Amino acid sequence: MKKDEFSVIRQELNLSQKELANFLLVSIRAIQSYEQGWRAIPPDIERNLLLLLMHHRHGIKKPRLVHCHTIKNCSEEQKKHCTAYREFAHNLCWYLSGMNFQGKNTITWAEKIEKCRECEVFLYLFKKQH
């Protein structure tokens, strides 16, 4: 995540730097550093910020109606190895799977989230509501 995107998301959430720092359990200085580009945004901060954004855009109930395994037509074998499917969080694979991507634990968070951002389920979850 780039600094500009971080700042845009904070503004969309209508949170002050202090409020966002409280949500993300970091200091206000950390938020300022992320927005200025002085500090890289850690994976856990990016994950939690995206989760806040998803809930801001859709609330709690709507994302539950999206089942990624249905949209992606996953096989039973794929479902068996899917953290999101096993945990009944059928659209949070991007959040729950850590460094795994499609069952492989061989990529960094930055590489994984970049691939997730191309997924139709992820795109749906982060689509702005009008």
C-alpha atoms as a PDB file:
ATOM      1  CA  MET A   1       0.000   0.000   0.000  1.00  0.00           C
ATOM      2  CA  LYS A   2       1.303   3.417  -0.901  1.00  0.00           C
ATOM      3  CA  LYS A   3       1.170   6.450   1.379  1.00  0.00           C
ATOM      4  CA  ASP A   4      -1.415   8.223  -0.800  1.00  0.00           C
ATOM      5  CA  GLU A   5      -3.809   5.276  -0.628  1.00  0.00           C
ATOM      6  CA  PHE A   6      -3.372   5.103   3.144  1.00  0.00           C
ATOM      7  CA  SER A   7      -4.303   8.768   3.496  1.00  0.00           C
ATOM      8  CA  VAL A   8      -7.268   8.501   1.095  1.00  0.00           C
ATOM      9  CA  ILE A   9      -8.654   5.537   3.045  1.00  0.00           C
ATOM     10  CA  ARG A  10      -8.305   7.403   6.352  1.00  0.00           C
ATOM     11  CA  GLN A  11     -10.172  10.355   4.876  1.00  0.00           C
ATOM     12  CA  GLU A  12     -12.924   8.113   3.477  1.00  0.00           C
ATOM     13  CA  LEU A  13     -13.305   6.552   6.917  1.00  0.00           C
ATOM     14  CA  ASN A  14     -13.663  10.127   8.215  1.00  0.00           C
ATOM     15  CA  LEU A  15     -11.151   9.469  10.978  1.00  0.00           C
ATOM     16  CA  SER A  16      -8.561  11.792  12.418  1.00  0.00           C
ATOM     17  CA  GLN A  17      -5.004  10.532  12.635  1.00  0.00           C
ATOM     18  CA  LYS A  18      -5.537  10.066  16.371  1.00  0.00           C
ATOM     19  CA  GLU A  19      -8.727   8.024  15.854  1.00  0.00           C
ATOM     20  CA  LEU A  20      -7.111   5.802  13.224  1.00  0.00           C
ATOM     21  CA  ALA A  21      -4.077   5.313  15.456  1.00  0.00           C
ATOM     22  CA  ASN A  22      -6.425   4.131  18.187  1.00  0.00           C
ATOM     23  CA  PHE A  23      -8.168   1.652  15.853  1.00  0.00           C
ATOM     24  CA  LEU A  24      -4.874   0.274  14.550  1.00  0.00           C
ATOM     25  CA  LEU A  25      -3.156   0.245  17.968  1.00  0.00           C
ATOM     26  CA  VAL A  26      -0.262   2.434  16.846  1.00  0.00           C
ATOM     27  CA  SER A  27       0.952   5.909  17.756  1.00  0.00           C
ATOM     28  CA  ILE A  28      -0.182   9.083  16.014  1.00  0.00           C
ATOM     29  CA  ARG A  29       3.438   9.490  14.917  1.00  0.00           C
ATOM     30  CA  ALA A  30       3.233   6.136  13.136  1.00  0.00           C
ATOM     31  CA  ILE A  31       0.121   7.273  11.223  1.00  0.00           C
ATOM     32  CA  GLN A  32       1.875  10.518  10.288  1.00  0.00           C
ATOM     33  CA  SER A  33       4.943   8.566   9.158  1.00  0.00           C
ATOM     34  CA  TYR A  34       2.850   6.235   6.975  1.00  0.00           C
ATOM     35  CA  GLU A  35       1.054   9.162   5.350  1.00  0.00           C
ATOM     36  CA  GLN A  36       4.284  11.074   4.724  1.00  0.00           C
ATOM     37  CA  GLY A  37       6.051   8.014   3.356  1.00  0.00           C
ATOM     38  CA  TRP A  38       8.728   8.164   6.047  1.00  0.00           C
ATOM     39  CA  ARG A  39       7.895   4.669   7.220  1.00  0.00           C
ATOM     40  CA  ALA A  40       6.760   1.616   5.247  1.00  0.00           C
ATOM     41  CA  ILE A  41       3.222   0.488   6.083  1.00  0.00           C
ATOM     42  CA  PRO A  42       3.534  -2.883   7.852  1.00  0.00           C
ATOM     43  CA  PRO A  43       1.401  -5.796   6.594  1.00  0.00           C
ATOM     44  CA  ASP A  44      -0.684  -6.014   9.783  1.00  0.00           C
ATOM     45  CA  ILE A  45      -1.565  -2.313   9.568  1.00  0.00           C
ATOM     46  CA  GLU A  46      -2.529  -2.630   5.894  1.00  0.00           C
ATOM     47  CA  ARG A  47      -4.669  -5.721   6.630  1.00  0.00           C
ATOM     48  CA  ASN A  48      -6.561  -4.028   9.439  1.00  0.00           C
ATOM     49  CA  LEU A  49      -7.021  -0.791   7.505  1.00  0.00           C
ATOM     50  CA  LEU A  50      -8.501  -2.724   4.572  1.00  0.00           C
ATOM     51  CA  LEU A  51     -10.817  -4.589   6.941  1.00  0.00           C
ATOM     52  CA  LEU A  52     -12.046  -1.264   8.364  1.00  0.00           C
ATOM     53  CA  LEU A  53     -12.587   0.024   4.825  1.00  0.00           C
ATOM     54  CA  MET A  54     -14.557  -3.060   3.781  1.00  0.00           C
ATOM     55  CA  HIS A  55     -16.860  -2.741   6.769  1.00  0.00           C
ATOM     56  CA  HIS A  56     -17.192   1.001   6.204  1.00  0.00           C
ATOM     57  CA  ARG A  57     -18.296   0.486   2.609  1.00  0.00           C
ATOM     58  CA  HIS A  58     -20.580  -2.504   3.116  1.00  0.00           C
ATOM     59  CA  GLY A  59     -21.388  -2.845   6.795  1.00  0.00           C
ATOM     60  CA  ILE A  60     -21.212  -6.201   8.529  1.00  0.00           C
ATOM     61  CA  LYS A  61     -23.973  -8.135   6.769  1.00  0.00           C
ATOM     62  CA  LYS A  62     -23.440  -7.616   3.027  1.00  0.00           C
ATOM     63  CA  PRO A  63     -19.953  -9.195   2.808  1.00  0.00           C
ATOM     64  CA  ARG A  64     -21.333 -12.314   4.481  1.00  0.00           C
ATOM     65  CA  LEU A  65     -23.563 -12.836   1.451  1.00  0.00           C
ATOM     66  CA  VAL A  66     -20.534 -13.129  -0.833  1.00  0.00           C
ATOM     67  CA  HIS A  67     -19.132 -16.650  -0.930  1.00  0.00           C
ATOM     68  CA  CYS A  68     -15.820 -16.640  -2.760  1.00  0.00           C
ATOM     69  CA  HIS A  69     -15.819 -20.406  -3.276  1.00  0.00           C
ATOM     70  CA  THR A  70     -19.067 -20.047  -5.260  1.00  0.00           C
ATOM     71  CA  ILE A  71     -17.801 -17.141  -7.364  1.00  0.00           C
ATOM     72  CA  LYS A  72     -14.460 -18.839  -8.025  1.00  0.00           C
ATOM     73  CA  ASN A  73     -16.060 -22.281  -8.435  1.00  0.00           C
ATOM     74  CA  CYS A  74     -13.606 -23.959  -6.058  1.00  0.00           C
ATOM     75  CA  SER A  75     -13.303 -27.723  -5.935  1.00  0.00           C
ATOM     76  CA  GLU A  76     -13.773 -29.693  -2.714  1.00  0.00           C
ATOM     77  CA  GLU A  77     -10.000 -30.181  -2.623  1.00  0.00           C
ATOM     78  CA  GLN A  78      -9.414 -26.416  -2.797  1.00  0.00           C
ATOM     79  CA  LYS A  79     -12.010 -25.802  -0.076  1.00  0.00           C
ATOM     80  CA  LYS A  80     -10.312 -28.365   2.154  1.00  0.00           C
ATOM     81  CA  HIS A  81      -7.097 -26.294   2.115  1.00  0.00           C
ATOM     82  CA  CYS A  82      -8.768 -22.879   2.351  1.00  0.00           C
ATOM     83  CA  THR A  83      -8.541 -21.065   5.682  1.00  0.00           C
ATOM     84  CA  ALA A  84     -11.440 -18.737   4.870  1.00  0.00           C
ATOM     85  CA  TYR A  85     -13.718 -21.633   3.912  1.00  0.00           C
ATOM     86  CA  ARG A  86     -12.846 -23.649   7.019  1.00  0.00           C
ATOM     87  CA  GLU A  87     -13.405 -20.636   9.285  1.00  0.00           C
ATOM     88  CA  PHE A  88     -16.751 -19.752   7.651  1.00  0.00           C
ATOM     89  CA  ALA A  89     -15.408 -16.352   6.611  1.00  0.00           C
ATOM     90  CA  HIS A  90     -16.078 -17.002   2.960  1.00  0.00           C
ATOM     91  CA  ASN A  91     -14.780 -13.693   1.681  1.00  0.00           C
ATOM     92  CA  LEU A  92     -11.902 -12.930   3.999  1.00  0.00           C
ATOM     93  CA  CYS A  93      -9.240 -15.163   2.476  1.00  0.00           C
ATOM     94  CA  TRP A  94      -7.183 -12.026   1.778  1.00  0.00           C
ATOM     95  CA  TYR A  95      -7.287 -11.270   5.529  1.00  0.00           C
ATOM     96  CA  LEU A  96      -7.044 -14.716   7.101  1.00  0.00           C
ATOM     97  CA  SER A  97      -4.561 -16.521   4.894  1.00  0.00           C
ATOM     98  CA  GLY A  98      -1.426 -14.719   6.039  1.00  0.00           C
ATOM     99  CA  MET A  99       1.283 -15.255   3.441  1.00  0.00           C
ATOM    100  CA  ASN A 100      -0.619 -18.050   1.705  1.00  0.00           C
ATOM    101  CA  PHE A 101      -2.000 -17.494  -1.756  1.00  0.00           C
ATOM    102  CA  GLN A 102      -4.068 -20.236  -3.326  1.00  0.00           C
ATOM    103  CA  GLY A 103      -2.625 -22.760  -0.900  1.00  0.00           C
ATOM    104  CA  LYS A 104       1.014 -21.776  -1.424  1.00  0.00           C
ATOM    105  CA  ASN A 105       3.110 -20.183   1.306  1.00  0.00           C
ATOM    106  CA  THR A 106       5.834 -18.860  -0.926  1.00  0.00           C
ATOM    107  CA  ILE A 107       5.197 -15.156  -1.390  1.00  0.00           C
ATOM    108  CA  THR A 108       5.493 -11.952   0.639  1.00  0.00           C
ATOM    109  CA  TRP A 109       2.500  -9.997   1.921  1.00  0.00           C
ATOM    110  CA  ALA A 110       3.096  -7.281  -0.699  1.00  0.00           C
ATOM    111  CA  GLU A 111       3.065  -9.849  -3.529  1.00  0.00           C
ATOM    112  CA  LYS A 112       0.035 -11.613  -2.092  1.00  0.00           C
ATOM    113  CA  ILE A 113      -2.118  -8.518  -1.561  1.00  0.00           C
ATOM    114  CA  GLU A 114      -1.226  -7.333  -5.068  1.00  0.00           C
ATOM    115  CA  LYS A 115      -2.638 -10.601  -6.444  1.00  0.00           C
ATOM    116  CA  CYS A 116      -5.654 -10.355  -4.121  1.00  0.00           C
ATOM    117  CA  ARG A 117      -6.423  -6.889  -5.498  1.00  0.00           C
ATOM    118  CA  GLU A 118      -6.995  -8.515  -8.911  1.00  0.00           C
ATOM    119  CA  CYS A 119      -9.515 -11.043  -7.531  1.00  0.00           C
ATOM    120  CA  GLU A 120     -13.172 -10.486  -8.414  1.00  0.00           C
ATOM    121  CA  VAL A 121     -14.240 -11.192  -4.821  1.00  0.00           C
ATOM    122  CA  PHE A 122     -11.780  -8.647  -3.405  1.00  0.00           C
ATOM    123  CA  LEU A 123     -12.818  -6.084  -6.022  1.00  0.00           C
ATOM    124  CA  TYR A 124     -16.473  -6.586  -5.109  1.00  0.00           C
ATOM    125  CA  LEU A 125     -15.781  -6.211  -1.389  1.00  0.00           C
ATOM    126  CA  PHE A 126     -13.935  -2.932  -1.877  1.00  0.00           C
ATOM    127  CA  LYS A 127     -16.217  -1.419  -4.499  1.00  0.00           C
ATOM    128  CA  LYS A 128     -17.553   1.940  -3.385  1.00  0.00           C
ATOM    129  CA  GLN A 129     -21.280   2.082  -2.781  1.00  0.00           C
ATOM    130  CA  HIS A 130     -23.210   4.917  -4.397  1.00  0.00           C
END
